[in-house]
Amino acid sequence: MKTTITKLLQDESGATAIEYGLIAALVSVAAIGALTTMGESLETMFTTVSTKLNEAVAP
Protein backbone atom coordinates (compact mmCIF):
# COMPACT_ATOMS: atom_id res chain seq x y z
CA MET A 1 0.00 0.00 0.00
CA LYS A 2 2.81 2.38 0.93
CA THR A 3 4.57 1.64 -2.36
CA THR A 4 1.44 2.50 -4.37
CA ILE A 5 0.99 5.83 -2.61
CA THR A 6 4.66 6.66 -3.08
CA LYS A 7 4.40 5.91 -6.82
CA LEU A 8 1.31 8.11 -7.14
CA LEU A 9 3.02 11.01 -5.38
CA GLN A 10 6.09 10.73 -7.61
CA ASP A 11 4.14 10.40 -10.88
CA GLU A 12 4.38 13.71 -12.79
CA SER A 13 2.85 12.67 -16.13
CA GLY A 14 -0.44 14.40 -15.30
CA ALA A 15 1.37 17.64 -14.47
CA THR A 16 3.18 17.51 -17.82
CA ALA A 17 -0.11 17.07 -19.69
CA ILE A 18 -1.57 20.07 -17.86
CA GLU A 19 1.48 22.17 -18.75
CA TYR A 20 1.14 21.27 -22.43
CA GLY A 21 -2.55 22.14 -22.26
CA LEU A 22 -1.78 25.55 -20.77
CA ILE A 23 0.84 26.24 -23.44
CA ALA A 24 -1.62 25.28 -26.19
CA ALA A 25 -4.26 27.56 -24.68
CA LEU A 26 -1.81 30.48 -24.53
CA VAL A 27 -0.75 29.96 -28.15
CA SER A 28 -4.42 29.83 -29.20
CA VAL A 29 -5.23 33.09 -27.43
CA ALA A 30 -2.23 34.80 -29.05
CA ALA A 31 -3.20 33.49 -32.50
CA ILE A 32 -6.80 34.64 -32.13
CA GLY A 33 -5.66 38.11 -31.11
CA ALA A 34 -3.23 38.39 -34.02
CA LEU A 35 -5.71 37.10 -36.59
CA THR A 36 -8.44 39.43 -35.34
CA THR A 37 -6.16 42.44 -35.71
CA MET A 38 -4.99 41.28 -39.13
CA GLY A 39 -8.59 40.67 -40.24
CA GLU A 40 -9.64 44.21 -39.38
CA SER A 41 -6.63 45.58 -41.25
CA LEU A 42 -7.42 43.47 -44.32
CA GLU A 43 -11.05 44.54 -44.26
CA THR A 44 -10.01 48.20 -44.30
CA MET A 45 -7.56 47.59 -47.14
CA PHE A 46 -10.07 45.73 -49.33
CA THR A 47 -12.75 48.34 -48.68
CA THR A 48 -10.36 51.08 -49.82
CA VAL A 49 -9.41 49.13 -52.96
CA SER A 50 -13.06 48.43 -53.76
CA THR A 51 -13.99 52.10 -53.34
CA LYS A 52 -11.13 53.23 -55.60
CA LEU A 53 -12.07 50.70 -58.27
CA ASN A 54 -15.73 51.76 -58.18
CA GLU A 55 -14.71 55.41 -58.53
CA ALA A 56 -12.45 54.59 -61.47
CA VAL A 57 -15.12 52.60 -63.33
CA ALA A 58 -18.03 54.97 -62.66
CA PRO A 59 -18.86 57.25 -65.61
PDB file of N, CA and C in Angstrom:
ATOM      1  N   MET A   1       0.829  -1.192   0.000  1.00  0.00           N
ATOM      2  CA  MET A   1       0.000   0.000   0.000  1.00  0.00           C
ATOM      3  C   MET A   1       0.876   1.260   0.000  1.00  0.00           C
ATOM      4  N   LYS A   2       1.908   1.235   0.836  1.00  0.00           N
ATOM      5  CA  LYS A   2       2.808   2.377   0.927  1.00  0.00           C
ATOM      6  C   LYS A   2       3.526   2.609  -0.412  1.00  0.00           C
ATOM      7  N   THR A   3       3.886   1.537  -1.070  1.00  0.00           N
ATOM      8  CA  THR A   3       4.568   1.636  -2.362  1.00  0.00           C
ATOM      9  C   THR A   3       3.658   2.276  -3.405  1.00  0.00           C
ATOM     10  N   THR A   4       2.406   1.934  -3.415  1.00  0.00           N
ATOM     11  CA  THR A   4       1.444   2.496  -4.371  1.00  0.00           C
ATOM     12  C   THR A   4       1.268   3.984  -4.148  1.00  0.00           C
ATOM     13  N   ILE A   5       1.151   4.400  -2.927  1.00  0.00           N
ATOM     14  CA  ILE A   5       0.988   5.828  -2.612  1.00  0.00           C
ATOM     15  C   ILE A   5       2.244   6.604  -2.988  1.00  0.00           C
ATOM     16  N   THR A   6       3.396   6.017  -2.729  1.00  0.00           N
ATOM     17  CA  THR A   6       4.662   6.664  -3.080  1.00  0.00           C
ATOM     18  C   THR A   6       4.770   6.842  -4.592  1.00  0.00           C
ATOM     19  N   LYS A   7       4.377   5.821  -5.345  1.00  0.00           N
ATOM     20  CA  LYS A   7       4.405   5.908  -6.816  1.00  0.00           C
ATOM     21  C   LYS A   7       3.456   7.001  -7.320  1.00  0.00           C
ATOM     22  N   LEU A   8       2.272   7.096  -6.732  1.00  0.00           N
ATOM     23  CA  LEU A   8       1.309   8.110  -7.144  1.00  0.00           C
ATOM     24  C   LEU A   8       1.822   9.520  -6.865  1.00  0.00           C
ATOM     25  N   LEU A   9       2.486   9.699  -5.730  1.00  0.00           N
ATOM     26  CA  LEU A   9       3.021  11.014  -5.382  1.00  0.00           C
ATOM     27  C   LEU A   9       4.193  11.419  -6.276  1.00  0.00           C
ATOM     28  N   GLN A  10       4.937  10.448  -6.779  1.00  0.00           N
ATOM     29  CA  GLN A  10       6.094  10.732  -7.614  1.00  0.00           C
ATOM     30  C   GLN A  10       5.739  10.827  -9.096  1.00  0.00           C
ATOM     31  N   ASP A  11       4.559  10.383  -9.473  1.00  0.00           N
ATOM     32  CA  ASP A  11       4.145  10.404 -10.883  1.00  0.00           C
ATOM     33  C   ASP A  11       3.844  11.839 -11.305  1.00  0.00           C
ATOM     34  N   GLU A  12       4.558  12.341 -12.317  1.00  0.00           N
ATOM     35  CA  GLU A  12       4.384  13.713 -12.791  1.00  0.00           C
ATOM     36  C   GLU A  12       3.814  13.779 -14.209  1.00  0.00           C
ATOM     37  N   SER A  13       3.349  12.672 -14.751  1.00  0.00           N
ATOM     38  CA  SER A  13       2.848  12.671 -16.128  1.00  0.00           C
ATOM     39  C   SER A  13       1.592  13.529 -16.273  1.00  0.00           C
ATOM     40  N   GLY A  14       0.749  13.562 -15.255  1.00  0.00           N
ATOM     41  CA  GLY A  14      -0.445  14.404 -15.302  1.00  0.00           C
ATOM     42  C   GLY A  14      -0.086  15.880 -15.300  1.00  0.00           C
ATOM     43  N   ALA A  15       0.921  16.244 -14.526  1.00  0.00           N
ATOM     44  CA  ALA A  15       1.366  17.641 -14.475  1.00  0.00           C
ATOM     45  C   ALA A  15       1.915  18.067 -15.828  1.00  0.00           C
ATOM     46  N   THR A  16       2.631  17.192 -16.504  1.00  0.00           N
ATOM     47  CA  THR A  16       3.179  17.506 -17.825  1.00  0.00           C
ATOM     48  C   THR A  16       2.051  17.733 -18.825  1.00  0.00           C
ATOM     49  N   ALA A  17       1.029  16.911 -18.784  1.00  0.00           N
ATOM     50  CA  ALA A  17      -0.105  17.072 -19.691  1.00  0.00           C
ATOM     51  C   ALA A  17      -0.812  18.408 -19.446  1.00  0.00           C
ATOM     52  N   ILE A  18      -0.944  18.788 -18.193  1.00  0.00           N
ATOM     53  CA  ILE A  18      -1.570  20.070 -17.863  1.00  0.00           C
ATOM     54  C   ILE A  18      -0.721  21.222 -18.374  1.00  0.00           C
ATOM     55  N   GLU A  19       0.590  21.115 -18.244  1.00  0.00           N
ATOM     56  CA  GLU A  19       1.478  22.168 -18.746  1.00  0.00           C
ATOM     57  C   GLU A  19       1.342  22.319 -20.256  1.00  0.00           C
ATOM     58  N   TYR A  20       1.314  21.205 -20.975  1.00  0.00           N
ATOM     59  CA  TYR A  20       1.138  21.271 -22.429  1.00  0.00           C
ATOM     60  C   TYR A  20      -0.216  21.876 -22.791  1.00  0.00           C
ATOM     61  N   GLY A  21      -1.229  21.555 -22.020  1.00  0.00           N
ATOM     62  CA  GLY A  21      -2.551  22.143 -22.258  1.00  0.00           C
ATOM     63  C   GLY A  21      -2.548  23.649 -22.053  1.00  0.00           C
ATOM     64  N   LEU A  22      -1.874  24.109 -21.028  1.00  0.00           N
ATOM     65  CA  LEU A  22      -1.783  25.550 -20.770  1.00  0.00           C
ATOM     66  C   LEU A  22      -1.002  26.264 -21.870  1.00  0.00           C
ATOM     67  N   ILE A  23       0.068  25.645 -22.348  1.00  0.00           N
ATOM     68  CA  ILE A  23       0.839  26.239 -23.441  1.00  0.00           C
ATOM     69  C   ILE A  23      -0.012  26.324 -24.700  1.00  0.00           C
ATOM     70  N   ALA A  24      -0.749  25.273 -25.012  1.00  0.00           N
ATOM     71  CA  ALA A  24      -1.621  25.280 -26.193  1.00  0.00           C
ATOM     72  C   ALA A  24      -2.688  26.355 -26.074  1.00  0.00           C
ATOM     73  N   ALA A  25      -3.247  26.532 -24.887  1.00  0.00           N
ATOM     74  CA  ALA A  25      -4.261  27.564 -24.682  1.00  0.00           C
ATOM     75  C   ALA A  25      -3.665  28.957 -24.874  1.00  0.00           C
ATOM     76  N   LEU A  26      -2.475  29.193 -24.371  1.00  0.00           N
ATOM     77  CA  LEU A  26      -1.814  30.482 -24.526  1.00  0.00           C
ATOM     78  C   LEU A  26      -1.514  30.777 -25.993  1.00  0.00           C
ATOM     79  N   VAL A  27      -1.028  29.787 -26.720  1.00  0.00           N
ATOM     80  CA  VAL A  27      -0.752  29.965 -28.151  1.00  0.00           C
ATOM     81  C   VAL A  27      -2.050  30.259 -28.905  1.00  0.00           C
ATOM     82  N   SER A  28      -3.126  29.589 -28.541  1.00  0.00           N
ATOM     83  CA  SER A  28      -4.417  29.826 -29.197  1.00  0.00           C
ATOM     84  C   SER A  28      -4.913  31.247 -28.962  1.00  0.00           C
ATOM     85  N   VAL A  29      -4.793  31.728 -27.739  1.00  0.00           N
ATOM     86  CA  VAL A  29      -5.229  33.091 -27.426  1.00  0.00           C
ATOM     87  C   VAL A  29      -4.412  34.106 -28.215  1.00  0.00           C
ATOM     88  N   ALA A  30      -3.095  33.889 -28.298  1.00  0.00           N
ATOM     89  CA  ALA A  30      -2.233  34.799 -29.053  1.00  0.00           C
ATOM     90  C   ALA A  30      -2.584  34.777 -30.535  1.00  0.00           C
ATOM     91  N   ALA A  31      -2.847  33.607 -31.077  1.00  0.00           N
ATOM     92  CA  ALA A  31      -3.196  33.487 -32.498  1.00  0.00           C
ATOM     93  C   ALA A  31      -4.526  34.171 -32.791  1.00  0.00           C
ATOM     94  N   ILE A  32      -5.503  33.998 -31.926  1.00  0.00           N
ATOM     95  CA  ILE A  32      -6.805  34.636 -32.128  1.00  0.00           C
ATOM     96  C   ILE A  32      -6.656  36.152 -32.109  1.00  0.00           C
ATOM     97  N   GLY A  33      -5.882  36.661 -31.183  1.00  0.00           N
ATOM     98  CA  GLY A  33      -5.658  38.111 -31.114  1.00  0.00           C
ATOM     99  C   GLY A  33      -4.974  38.639 -32.356  1.00  0.00           C
ATOM    100  N   ALA A  34      -3.949  37.951 -32.829  1.00  0.00           N
ATOM    101  CA  ALA A  34      -3.228  38.394 -34.020  1.00  0.00           C
ATOM    102  C   ALA A  34      -4.106  38.323 -35.258  1.00  0.00           C
ATOM    103  N   LEU A  35      -4.853  37.247 -35.411  1.00  0.00           N
ATOM    104  CA  LEU A  35      -5.713  37.099 -36.591  1.00  0.00           C
ATOM    105  C   LEU A  35      -6.861  38.101 -36.582  1.00  0.00           C
ATOM    106  N   THR A  36      -7.379  38.431 -35.427  1.00  0.00           N
ATOM    107  CA  THR A  36      -8.442  39.429 -35.340  1.00  0.00           C
ATOM    108  C   THR A  36      -7.923  40.787 -35.791  1.00  0.00           C
ATOM    109  N   THR A  37      -6.758  41.164 -35.316  1.00  0.00           N
ATOM    110  CA  THR A  37      -6.158  42.439 -35.707  1.00  0.00           C
ATOM    111  C   THR A  37      -5.862  42.454 -37.205  1.00  0.00           C
ATOM    112  N   MET A  38      -5.313  41.366 -37.713  1.00  0.00           N
ATOM    113  CA  MET A  38      -4.987  41.284 -39.130  1.00  0.00           C
ATOM    114  C   MET A  38      -6.260  41.308 -39.974  1.00  0.00           C
ATOM    115  N   GLY A  39      -7.325  40.682 -39.509  1.00  0.00           N
ATOM    116  CA  GLY A  39      -8.591  40.667 -40.242  1.00  0.00           C
ATOM    117  C   GLY A  39      -9.175  42.057 -40.383  1.00  0.00           C
ATOM    118  N   GLU A  40      -9.123  42.841 -39.313  1.00  0.00           N
ATOM    119  CA  GLU A  40      -9.636  44.207 -39.380  1.00  0.00           C
ATOM    120  C   GLU A  40      -8.811  45.048 -40.347  1.00  0.00           C
ATOM    121  N   SER A  41      -7.517  44.845 -40.346  1.00  0.00           N
ATOM    122  CA  SER A  41      -6.632  45.580 -41.251  1.00  0.00           C
ATOM    123  C   SER A  41      -6.917  45.205 -42.705  1.00  0.00           C
ATOM    124  N   LEU A  42      -7.106  43.915 -42.963  1.00  0.00           N
ATOM    125  CA  LEU A  42      -7.415  43.470 -44.323  1.00  0.00           C
ATOM    126  C   LEU A  42      -8.765  43.989 -44.792  1.00  0.00           C
ATOM    127  N   GLU A  43      -9.739  44.024 -43.901  1.00  0.00           N
ATOM    128  CA  GLU A  43     -11.054  44.539 -44.265  1.00  0.00           C
ATOM    129  C   GLU A  43     -10.956  46.002 -44.694  1.00  0.00           C
ATOM    130  N   THR A  44     -10.197  46.787 -43.955  1.00  0.00           N
ATOM    131  CA  THR A  44     -10.005  48.198 -44.301  1.00  0.00           C
ATOM    132  C   THR A  44      -9.316  48.335 -45.653  1.00  0.00           C
ATOM    133  N   MET A  45      -8.298  47.525 -45.885  1.00  0.00           N
ATOM    134  CA  MET A  45      -7.558  47.593 -47.137  1.00  0.00           C
ATOM    135  C   MET A  45      -8.456  47.230 -48.327  1.00  0.00           C
ATOM    136  N   PHE A  46      -9.213  46.156 -48.230  1.00  0.00           N
ATOM    137  CA  PHE A  46     -10.067  45.734 -49.333  1.00  0.00           C
ATOM    138  C   PHE A  46     -11.209  46.719 -49.567  1.00  0.00           C
ATOM    139  N   THR A  47     -11.716  47.329 -48.516  1.00  0.00           N
ATOM    140  CA  THR A  47     -12.747  48.344 -48.680  1.00  0.00           C
ATOM    141  C   THR A  47     -12.205  49.539 -49.451  1.00  0.00           C
ATOM    142  N   THR A  48     -10.994  49.962 -49.121  1.00  0.00           N
ATOM    143  CA  THR A  48     -10.356  51.077 -49.818  1.00  0.00           C
ATOM    144  C   THR A  48     -10.146  50.745 -51.294  1.00  0.00           C
ATOM    145  N   VAL A  49      -9.643  49.550 -51.567  1.00  0.00           N
ATOM    146  CA  VAL A  49      -9.411  49.134 -52.958  1.00  0.00           C
ATOM    147  C   VAL A  49     -10.724  49.083 -53.725  1.00  0.00           C
ATOM    148  N   SER A  50     -11.753  48.522 -53.112  1.00  0.00           N
ATOM    149  CA  SER A  50     -13.056  48.431 -53.764  1.00  0.00           C
ATOM    150  C   SER A  50     -13.624  49.816 -54.070  1.00  0.00           C
ATOM    151  N   THR A  51     -13.497  50.739 -53.138  1.00  0.00           N
ATOM    152  CA  THR A  51     -13.991  52.099 -53.340  1.00  0.00           C
ATOM    153  C   THR A  51     -13.249  52.776 -54.492  1.00  0.00           C
ATOM    154  N   LYS A  52     -11.929  52.620 -54.522  1.00  0.00           N
ATOM    155  CA  LYS A  52     -11.130  53.233 -55.604  1.00  0.00           C
ATOM    156  C   LYS A  52     -11.479  52.631 -56.958  1.00  0.00           C
ATOM    157  N   LEU A  53     -11.696  51.323 -56.997  1.00  0.00           N
ATOM    158  CA  LEU A  53     -12.070  50.700 -58.269  1.00  0.00           C
ATOM    159  C   LEU A  53     -13.453  51.168 -58.731  1.00  0.00           C
ATOM    160  N   ASN A  54     -14.389  51.273 -57.815  1.00  0.00           N
ATOM    161  CA  ASN A  54     -15.730  51.756 -58.182  1.00  0.00           C
ATOM    162  C   ASN A  54     -15.670  53.193 -58.692  1.00  0.00           C
ATOM    163  N   GLU A  55     -14.844  54.015 -58.088  1.00  0.00           N
ATOM    164  CA  GLU A  55     -14.707  55.411 -58.535  1.00  0.00           C
ATOM    165  C   GLU A  55     -14.062  55.470 -59.909  1.00  0.00           C
ATOM    166  N   ALA A  56     -13.135  54.586 -60.196  1.00  0.00           N
ATOM    167  CA  ALA A  56     -12.453  54.594 -61.472  1.00  0.00           C
ATOM    168  C   ALA A  56     -13.349  54.104 -62.596  1.00  0.00           C
ATOM    169  N   VAL A  57     -14.250  53.191 -62.305  1.00  0.00           N
ATOM    170  CA  VAL A  57     -15.119  52.597 -63.334  1.00  0.00           C
ATOM    171  C   VAL A  57     -16.369  53.469 -63.566  1.00  0.00           C
ATOM    172  N   ALA A  58     -16.801  54.168 -62.548  1.00  0.00           N
ATOM    173  CA  ALA A  58     -18.034  54.974 -62.659  1.00  0.00           C
ATOM    174  C   ALA A  58     -17.876  56.042 -63.731  1.00  0.00           C
ATOM    175  N   PRO A  59     -18.935  56.258 -64.525  1.00  0.00           N
ATOM    176  CA  PRO A  59     -18.857  57.250 -65.614  1.00  0.00           C
ATOM    177  C   PRO A  59     -18.745  58.675 -65.126  1.00  0.00           C
TER     178      PRO A  59
END
